[in-house]
C-alpha cells in the first residue's frame, strides 16, 4: 500500500510540474518513433542480445560471482551438452550460485535497464548545461528498455512453457516467482528513474525504500 500511495504522489508531482521531464520525454518519443517506423517488425539484433548478456555478466560482478564465459551471436545456436529444444542467441557461464544471488543474475536483464542507469550515474558528474542532453539519452534508453523488456518477458514465459529442459531464465526459479519478481522490480526501478530526473536521488530513494518494504512485508507476512 505504501508503494501505491508513493507512486500516485509521484504521478501528481509529474503532472503538476512536467518541465524537468521535457528532455527525457523528447528522447522517449524519439525512440518510440524510431521503433515504430523501422524496428517493430525487425528480428532481434545482436546489439539487443549483447546488452541482455552484458546485464547477466554485470550482476555476476555485483554479486561477487566469477564469470567463466560470455557469448552473443547474431544467429541462434545450440549449446553443447544442452537438452533444450530452444536455440540460444547468447549466454553467460559463471560459477554456480543459489538463493538471491542466483535469482538476481538470472533475472537481471528483465528488470535492470543497464544503459539508462549508466547514464544516470554519468549525469552526476556532467555540468548543468549538458544535463538536458544526458536526459534525452536517458529517454531513448528508457524507451528501448521498456519496449524490449516487455517482449523479452513474454518470450521468457513462452519458452518456459514449451521447453522442458529447465535451462532457461524463467525456468530456474519458476515462472510465477520470476514473473512476480521482474514485474515488481520494474515497478520500483522505472518510476525511480523518472524521480531522479524530476526531484533528485532522495525522492527516488524514498520510493525505492517504500517498494522494498512492500516486498519484505509480502514475503514475511
C-alpha atoms as a PDB file:
ATOM      1  CA  UNK A   1       0.000   0.000   0.000  1.00  0.00           C
ATOM      2  CA  UNK A   2       2.850   2.354   0.817  1.00  0.00           C
ATOM      3  CA  UNK A   3       4.335   1.798  -2.651  1.00  0.00           C
ATOM      4  CA  UNK A   4       0.995   2.505  -4.354  1.00  0.00           C
ATOM      5  CA  UNK A   5       0.476   5.729  -2.404  1.00  0.00           C
ATOM      6  CA  UNK A   6       4.021   6.888  -3.135  1.00  0.00           C
ATOM      7  CA  UNK A   7       3.572   6.074  -6.826  1.00  0.00           C
ATOM      8  CA  UNK A   8       0.352   8.105  -7.011  1.00  0.00           C
ATOM      9  CA  UNK A   9       2.096  11.038  -5.342  1.00  0.00           C
ATOM     10  CA  UNK A  10       4.809  10.791  -7.999  1.00  0.00           C
ATOM     11  CA  UNK A  11       2.241  10.942 -10.804  1.00  0.00           C
ATOM     12  CA  UNK A  12       0.639  14.050  -9.291  1.00  0.00           C
ATOM     13  CA  UNK A  13       4.064  15.677  -8.953  1.00  0.00           C
ATOM     14  CA  UNK A  14       4.907  14.905 -12.600  1.00  0.00           C
ATOM     15  CA  UNK A  15       1.590  16.359 -13.771  1.00  0.00           C
ATOM     16  CA  UNK A  16       1.951  19.476 -11.605  1.00  0.00           C
ATOM     17  CA  UNK A  17       5.482  20.282 -12.823  1.00  0.00           C
ATOM     18  CA  UNK A  18       6.345  18.416 -16.045  1.00  0.00           C
ATOM     19  CA  UNK A  19       9.114  20.782 -17.182  1.00  0.00           C
ATOM     20  CA  UNK A  20      12.056  18.805 -15.659  1.00  0.00           C
ATOM     21  CA  UNK A  21      10.962  15.761 -17.683  1.00  0.00           C
ATOM     22  CA  UNK A  22      10.708  17.503 -21.072  1.00  0.00           C
ATOM     23  CA  UNK A  23      14.162  16.430 -22.398  1.00  0.00           C
ATOM     24  CA  UNK A  24      13.535  12.881 -21.182  1.00  0.00           C
ATOM     25  CA  UNK A  25      10.106  12.841 -22.858  1.00  0.00           C
ATOM     26  CA  UNK A  26      11.673  14.071 -26.091  1.00  0.00           C
ATOM     27  CA  UNK A  27      14.163  11.208 -26.100  1.00  0.00           C
ATOM     28  CA  UNK A  28      11.453   8.698 -25.213  1.00  0.00           C
ATOM     29  CA  UNK A  29       9.153   9.840 -28.022  1.00  0.00           C
ATOM     30  CA  UNK A  30      12.060   9.854 -30.483  1.00  0.00           C
ATOM     31  CA  UNK A  31      12.845   6.214 -29.666  1.00  0.00           C
ATOM     32  CA  UNK A  32       9.187   5.190 -29.907  1.00  0.00           C
ATOM     33  CA  UNK A  33       9.055   6.785 -33.373  1.00  0.00           C
ATOM     34  CA  UNK A  34      12.274   5.028 -34.464  1.00  0.00           C
ATOM     35  CA  UNK A  35      10.991   1.707 -33.187  1.00  0.00           C
ATOM     36  CA  UNK A  36       7.556   2.076 -34.785  1.00  0.00           C
ATOM     37  CA  UNK A  37       8.922   3.269 -38.120  1.00  0.00           C
ATOM     38  CA  UNK A  38      11.918   0.978 -38.531  1.00  0.00           C
ATOM     39  CA  UNK A  39      12.295  -1.705 -35.842  1.00  0.00           C
ATOM     40  CA  UNK A  40       8.890  -3.006 -34.772  1.00  0.00           C
ATOM     41  CA  UNK A  41       8.918  -5.881 -37.259  1.00  0.00           C
ATOM     42  CA  UNK A  42      12.674  -6.495 -37.296  1.00  0.00           C
ATOM     43  CA  UNK A  43      14.234  -9.652 -35.816  1.00  0.00           C
ATOM     44  CA  UNK A  44      16.187  -9.421 -32.579  1.00  0.00           C
ATOM     45  CA  UNK A  45      19.513  -7.703 -33.184  1.00  0.00           C
ATOM     46  CA  UNK A  46      22.931  -8.711 -31.913  1.00  0.00           C
ATOM     47  CA  UNK A  47      23.009  -5.388 -30.011  1.00  0.00           C
ATOM     48  CA  UNK A  48      19.961  -6.477 -28.044  1.00  0.00           C
ATOM     49  CA  UNK A  49      21.485  -9.886 -27.319  1.00  0.00           C
ATOM     50  CA  UNK A  50      24.782  -8.306 -26.271  1.00  0.00           C
ATOM     51  CA  UNK A  51      23.010  -5.903 -23.877  1.00  0.00           C
ATOM     52  CA  UNK A  52      20.996  -8.775 -22.396  1.00  0.00           C
ATOM     53  CA  UNK A  53      24.065 -10.911 -21.743  1.00  0.00           C
ATOM     54  CA  UNK A  54      26.047  -7.915 -20.505  1.00  0.00           C
ATOM     55  CA  UNK A  55      23.432  -7.405 -17.777  1.00  0.00           C
ATOM     56  CA  UNK A  56      23.772 -11.042 -16.705  1.00  0.00           C
ATOM     57  CA  UNK A  57      27.548 -10.543 -16.514  1.00  0.00           C
ATOM     58  CA  UNK A  58      27.223  -7.225 -14.657  1.00  0.00           C
ATOM     59  CA  UNK A  59      25.159  -8.858 -11.925  1.00  0.00           C
ATOM     60  CA  UNK A  60      27.723 -11.645 -11.676  1.00  0.00           C
ATOM     61  CA  UNK A  61      30.262  -8.956 -10.813  1.00  0.00           C
ATOM     62  CA  UNK A  62      27.886  -7.167  -8.425  1.00  0.00           C
ATOM     63  CA  UNK A  63      27.183 -10.432  -6.566  1.00  0.00           C
ATOM     64  CA  UNK A  64      30.885 -11.408  -6.500  1.00  0.00           C
ATOM     65  CA  UNK A  65      30.342 -14.348  -8.855  1.00  0.00           C
ATOM     66  CA  UNK A  66      33.088 -15.271 -11.297  1.00  0.00           C
ATOM     67  CA  UNK A  67      32.206 -15.069 -14.996  1.00  0.00           C
ATOM     68  CA  UNK A  68      33.549 -18.052 -16.941  1.00  0.00           C
ATOM     69  CA  UNK A  69      32.387 -17.159 -20.429  1.00  0.00           C
ATOM     70  CA  UNK A  70      30.455 -14.588 -22.455  1.00  0.00           C
ATOM     71  CA  UNK A  71      28.882 -15.161 -25.848  1.00  0.00           C
ATOM     72  CA  UNK A  72      26.484 -13.138 -28.013  1.00  0.00           C
ATOM     73  CA  UNK A  73      25.704 -14.060 -31.598  1.00  0.00           C
ATOM     74  CA  UNK A  74      23.675 -12.672 -34.462  1.00  0.00           C
ATOM     75  CA  UNK A  75      22.294 -16.103 -35.307  1.00  0.00           C
ATOM     76  CA  UNK A  76      20.656 -18.591 -32.899  1.00  0.00           C
ATOM     77  CA  UNK A  77      22.705 -21.644 -31.942  1.00  0.00           C
ATOM     78  CA  UNK A  78      22.503 -24.784 -29.818  1.00  0.00           C
ATOM     79  CA  UNK A  79      24.525 -25.076 -26.639  1.00  0.00           C
ATOM     80  CA  UNK A  80      26.847 -28.053 -26.293  1.00  0.00           C
ATOM     81  CA  UNK A  81      25.552 -30.574 -23.720  1.00  0.00           C
ATOM     82  CA  UNK A  82      22.191 -28.809 -23.591  1.00  0.00           C
ATOM     83  CA  UNK A  83      18.900 -30.683 -23.504  1.00  0.00           C
ATOM     84  CA  UNK A  84      16.949 -27.629 -24.617  1.00  0.00           C
ATOM     85  CA  UNK A  85      14.953 -27.704 -27.847  1.00  0.00           C
ATOM     86  CA  UNK A  86      15.161 -23.891 -27.997  1.00  0.00           C
ATOM     87  CA  UNK A  87      18.062 -22.150 -29.724  1.00  0.00           C
ATOM     88  CA  UNK A  88      20.141 -19.517 -27.924  1.00  0.00           C
ATOM     89  CA  UNK A  89      21.287 -16.129 -29.189  1.00  0.00           C
ATOM     90  CA  UNK A  90      23.742 -15.668 -26.345  1.00  0.00           C
ATOM     91  CA  UNK A  91      24.720 -16.945 -22.935  1.00  0.00           C
ATOM     92  CA  UNK A  92      26.944 -16.216 -19.944  1.00  0.00           C
ATOM     93  CA  UNK A  93      28.584 -19.005 -17.983  1.00  0.00           C
ATOM     94  CA  UNK A  94      29.530 -18.363 -14.363  1.00  0.00           C
ATOM     95  CA  UNK A  95      30.192 -20.103 -11.068  1.00  0.00           C
ATOM     96  CA  UNK A  96      27.104 -21.761  -9.661  1.00  0.00           C
ATOM     97  CA  UNK A  97      25.313 -19.698  -7.015  1.00  0.00           C
ATOM     98  CA  UNK A  98      21.889 -20.133  -5.482  1.00  0.00           C
ATOM     99  CA  UNK A  99      19.465 -18.068  -3.441  1.00  0.00           C
ATOM    100  CA  UNK A 100      19.109 -14.357  -4.070  1.00  0.00           C
ATOM    101  CA  UNK A 101      22.450 -14.109  -5.870  1.00  0.00           C
ATOM    102  CA  UNK A 102      21.385 -16.680  -8.420  1.00  0.00           C
ATOM    103  CA  UNK A 103      17.972 -15.079  -8.870  1.00  0.00           C
ATOM    104  CA  UNK A 104      19.438 -11.614  -9.411  1.00  0.00           C
ATOM    105  CA  UNK A 105      21.923 -12.889 -12.000  1.00  0.00           C
ATOM    106  CA  UNK A 106      19.285 -14.904 -13.857  1.00  0.00           C
ATOM    107  CA  UNK A 107      16.570 -12.249 -13.919  1.00  0.00           C
ATOM    108  CA  UNK A 108      18.664  -9.062 -14.117  1.00  0.00           C
ATOM    109  CA  UNK A 109      18.130  -8.427 -17.865  1.00  0.00           C
ATOM    110  CA  UNK A 110      14.374  -8.401 -17.294  1.00  0.00           C
ATOM    111  CA  UNK A 111      14.355  -5.652 -14.667  1.00  0.00           C
ATOM    112  CA  UNK A 112      17.624  -3.695 -14.815  1.00  0.00           C
ATOM    113  CA  UNK A 113      17.971  -1.006 -17.547  1.00  0.00           C
ATOM    114  CA  UNK A 114      21.756  -1.099 -17.724  1.00  0.00           C
ATOM    115  CA  UNK A 115      22.393   1.823 -20.067  1.00  0.00           C
ATOM    116  CA  UNK A 116      19.759   4.083 -18.506  1.00  0.00           C
ATOM    117  CA  UNK A 117      21.346   3.530 -15.074  1.00  0.00           C
ATOM    118  CA  UNK A 118      24.816   4.189 -16.516  1.00  0.00           C
ATOM    119  CA  UNK A 119      23.567   7.495 -17.945  1.00  0.00           C
ATOM    120  CA  UNK A 120      22.000   8.432 -14.600  1.00  0.00           C
ATOM    121  CA  UNK A 121      25.403   7.959 -12.975  1.00  0.00           C
ATOM    122  CA  UNK A 122      27.047   9.993 -15.762  1.00  0.00           C
ATOM    123  CA  UNK A 123      24.514  12.731 -15.034  1.00  0.00           C
ATOM    124  CA  UNK A 124      26.039  13.112 -11.564  1.00  0.00           C
ATOM    125  CA  UNK A 125      29.358  14.317 -12.951  1.00  0.00           C
ATOM    126  CA  UNK A 126      28.421  16.409 -16.018  1.00  0.00           C
ATOM    127  CA  UNK A 127      27.855  20.143 -15.746  1.00  0.00           C
ATOM    128  CA  UNK A 128      24.338  21.561 -15.614  1.00  0.00           C
ATOM    129  CA  UNK A 129      24.412  22.765 -19.208  1.00  0.00           C
ATOM    130  CA  UNK A 130      24.992  19.238 -20.520  1.00  0.00           C
ATOM    131  CA  UNK A 131      22.394  17.526 -18.318  1.00  0.00           C
ATOM    132  CA  UNK A 132      19.486  18.033 -20.778  1.00  0.00           C
ATOM    133  CA  UNK A 133      21.473  16.125 -23.402  1.00  0.00           C
ATOM    134  CA  UNK A 134      22.001  13.262 -20.970  1.00  0.00           C
ATOM    135  CA  UNK A 135      18.296  13.365 -20.095  1.00  0.00           C
ATOM    136  CA  UNK A 136      17.396  12.962 -23.781  1.00  0.00           C
ATOM    137  CA  UNK A 137      19.681   9.926 -23.973  1.00  0.00           C
ATOM    138  CA  UNK A 138      18.093   8.518 -20.822  1.00  0.00           C
ATOM    139  CA  UNK A 139      14.709   8.901 -22.516  1.00  0.00           C
ATOM    140  CA  UNK A 140      15.985   6.996 -25.553  1.00  0.00           C
ATOM    141  CA  UNK A 141      17.406   4.150 -23.465  1.00  0.00           C
ATOM    142  CA  UNK A 142      14.299   4.097 -21.254  1.00  0.00           C
ATOM    143  CA  UNK A 143      12.144   3.596 -24.354  1.00  0.00           C
ATOM    144  CA  UNK A 144      14.495   0.951 -25.717  1.00  0.00           C
ATOM    145  CA  UNK A 145      14.405  -0.904 -22.433  1.00  0.00           C
ATOM    146  CA  UNK A 146      10.623  -0.660 -21.887  1.00  0.00           C
ATOM    147  CA  UNK A 147       9.714  -1.942 -25.347  1.00  0.00           C
ATOM    148  CA  UNK A 148      12.292  -4.718 -25.492  1.00  0.00           C
ATOM    149  CA  UNK A 149      11.784  -5.956 -21.952  1.00  0.00           C
ATOM    150  CA  UNK A 150       8.055  -6.395 -22.459  1.00  0.00           C
ATOM    151  CA  UNK A 151       8.919  -8.560 -25.460  1.00  0.00           C
ATOM    152  CA  UNK A 152      11.662 -10.382 -23.511  1.00  0.00           C
ATOM    153  CA  UNK A 153       9.373 -11.211 -20.592  1.00  0.00           C
ATOM    154  CA  UNK A 154       6.665 -12.510 -22.922  1.00  0.00           C
ATOM    155  CA  UNK A 155       9.247 -14.628 -24.742  1.00  0.00           C
ATOM    156  CA  UNK A 156      10.722 -15.961 -21.479  1.00  0.00           C
ATOM    157  CA  UNK A 157       7.268 -17.053 -20.283  1.00  0.00           C
ATOM    158  CA  UNK A 158       6.539 -18.644 -23.670  1.00  0.00           C
ATOM    159  CA  UNK A 159       9.846 -20.560 -23.769  1.00  0.00           C
ATOM    160  CA  UNK A 160       9.411 -21.718 -20.173  1.00  0.00           C
ATOM    161  CA  UNK A 161       6.009 -23.120 -21.068  1.00  0.00           C
ATOM    162  CA  UNK A 162       7.060 -25.058 -24.133  1.00  0.00           C
ATOM    163  CA  UNK A 163      10.618 -26.216 -23.308  1.00  0.00           C
ATOM    164  CA  UNK A 164      11.001 -28.911 -20.655  1.00  0.00           C
ATOM    165  CA  UNK A 165      14.792 -28.683 -20.282  1.00  0.00           C
ATOM    166  CA  UNK A 166      14.598 -26.322 -17.302  1.00  0.00           C
ATOM    167  CA  UNK A 167      17.620 -24.347 -18.512  1.00  0.00           C
ATOM    168  CA  UNK A 168      16.083 -21.011 -19.461  1.00  0.00           C
ATOM    169  CA  UNK A 169      15.885 -17.878 -17.346  1.00  0.00           C
ATOM    170  CA  UNK A 170      12.284 -18.109 -16.161  1.00  0.00           C
ATOM    171  CA  UNK A 171      12.523 -21.870 -15.560  1.00  0.00           C
ATOM    172  CA  UNK A 172      15.317 -21.737 -12.997  1.00  0.00           C
ATOM    173  CA  UNK A 173      13.177 -20.179 -10.272  1.00  0.00           C
ATOM    174  CA  UNK A 174       9.768 -20.998 -11.711  1.00  0.00           C
ATOM    175  CA  UNK A 175       7.588 -18.816 -13.913  1.00  0.00           C
ATOM    176  CA  UNK A 176       5.322 -17.432 -11.124  1.00  0.00           C
ATOM    177  CA  UNK A 177       8.249 -16.305  -8.933  1.00  0.00           C
ATOM    178  CA  UNK A 178      10.281 -14.998 -11.892  1.00  0.00           C
ATOM    179  CA  UNK A 179       7.361 -13.066 -13.343  1.00  0.00           C
ATOM    180  CA  UNK A 180       6.302 -11.598  -9.993  1.00  0.00           C
ATOM    181  CA  UNK A 181       9.851 -10.544  -9.159  1.00  0.00           C
ATOM    182  CA  UNK A 182      10.580  -8.926 -12.531  1.00  0.00           C
ATOM    183  CA  UNK A 183       7.278  -7.069 -12.694  1.00  0.00           C
ATOM    184  CA  UNK A 184       7.646  -5.754  -9.153  1.00  0.00           C
ATOM    185  CA  UNK A 185      11.302  -4.788  -9.681  1.00  0.00           C
ATOM    186  CA  UNK A 186      10.325  -2.848 -12.799  1.00  0.00           C
ATOM    187  CA  UNK A 187       7.619  -1.041 -10.834  1.00  0.00           C
ATOM    188  CA  UNK A 188      10.340   0.138  -8.458  1.00  0.00           C
ATOM    189  CA  UNK A 189      13.185   0.899 -10.872  1.00  0.00           C
ATOM    190  CA  UNK A 190      11.375   2.544 -13.799  1.00  0.00           C
ATOM    191  CA  UNK A 191       9.496   5.204 -11.744  1.00  0.00           C
ATOM    192  CA  UNK A 192      12.694   5.759  -9.752  1.00  0.00           C
ATOM    193  CA  UNK A 193      14.461   6.844 -12.943  1.00  0.00           C
ATOM    194  CA  UNK A 194      11.759   9.452 -13.545  1.00  0.00           C
ATOM    195  CA  UNK A 195      12.013  10.594  -9.939  1.00  0.00           C
ATOM    196  CA  UNK A 196      15.777  11.130 -10.215  1.00  0.00           C
ATOM    197  CA  UNK A 197      15.211  13.374 -13.236  1.00  0.00           C
ATOM    198  CA  UNK A 198      12.266  15.194 -11.681  1.00  0.00           C
ATOM    199  CA  UNK A 199      13.075  15.543  -7.988  1.00  0.00           C
ATOM    200  CA  UNK A 200      16.515  14.074  -7.406  1.00  0.00           C
ATOM    201  CA  UNK A 201      18.044  10.961  -5.911  1.00  0.00           C
ATOM    202  CA  UNK A 202      16.442  11.497  -2.498  1.00  0.00           C
ATOM    203  CA  UNK A 203      12.922  11.152  -3.878  1.00  0.00           C
ATOM    204  CA  UNK A 204      13.924   8.076  -5.855  1.00  0.00           C
ATOM    205  CA  UNK A 205      15.456   6.564  -2.725  1.00  0.00           C
ATOM    206  CA  UNK A 206      12.283   7.155  -0.718  1.00  0.00           C
ATOM    207  CA  UNK A 207      10.191   5.498  -3.417  1.00  0.00           C
ATOM    208  CA  UNK A 208      12.570   2.530  -3.670  1.00  0.00           C
ATOM    209  CA  UNK A 209      12.552   2.025   0.106  1.00  0.00           C
ATOM    210  CA  UNK A 210       8.734   2.003   0.051  1.00  0.00           C
ATOM    211  CA  UNK A 211       8.883  -0.689  -2.614  1.00  0.00           C
ATOM    212  CA  UNK A 212      11.428  -2.706  -0.681  1.00  0.00           C
ATOM    213  CA  UNK A 213       9.294  -2.553   2.451  1.00  0.00           C
ATOM    214  CA  UNK A 214       6.270  -3.750   0.497  1.00  0.00           C
ATOM    215  CA  UNK A 215       8.245  -6.699  -0.933  1.00  0.00           C
ATOM    216  CA  UNK A 216       9.603  -7.601   2.519  1.00  0.00           C
ATOM    217  CA  UNK A 217       6.150  -7.460   4.101  1.00  0.00           C
ATOM    218  CA  UNK A 218       4.785  -9.619   1.289  1.00  0.00           C
ATOM    219  CA  UNK A 219       7.468 -12.252   1.890  1.00  0.00           C
ATOM    220  CA  UNK A 220       7.281 -12.391   5.687  1.00  0.00           C
ATOM    221  CA  UNK A 221       3.593 -11.595   6.127  1.00  0.00           C
END
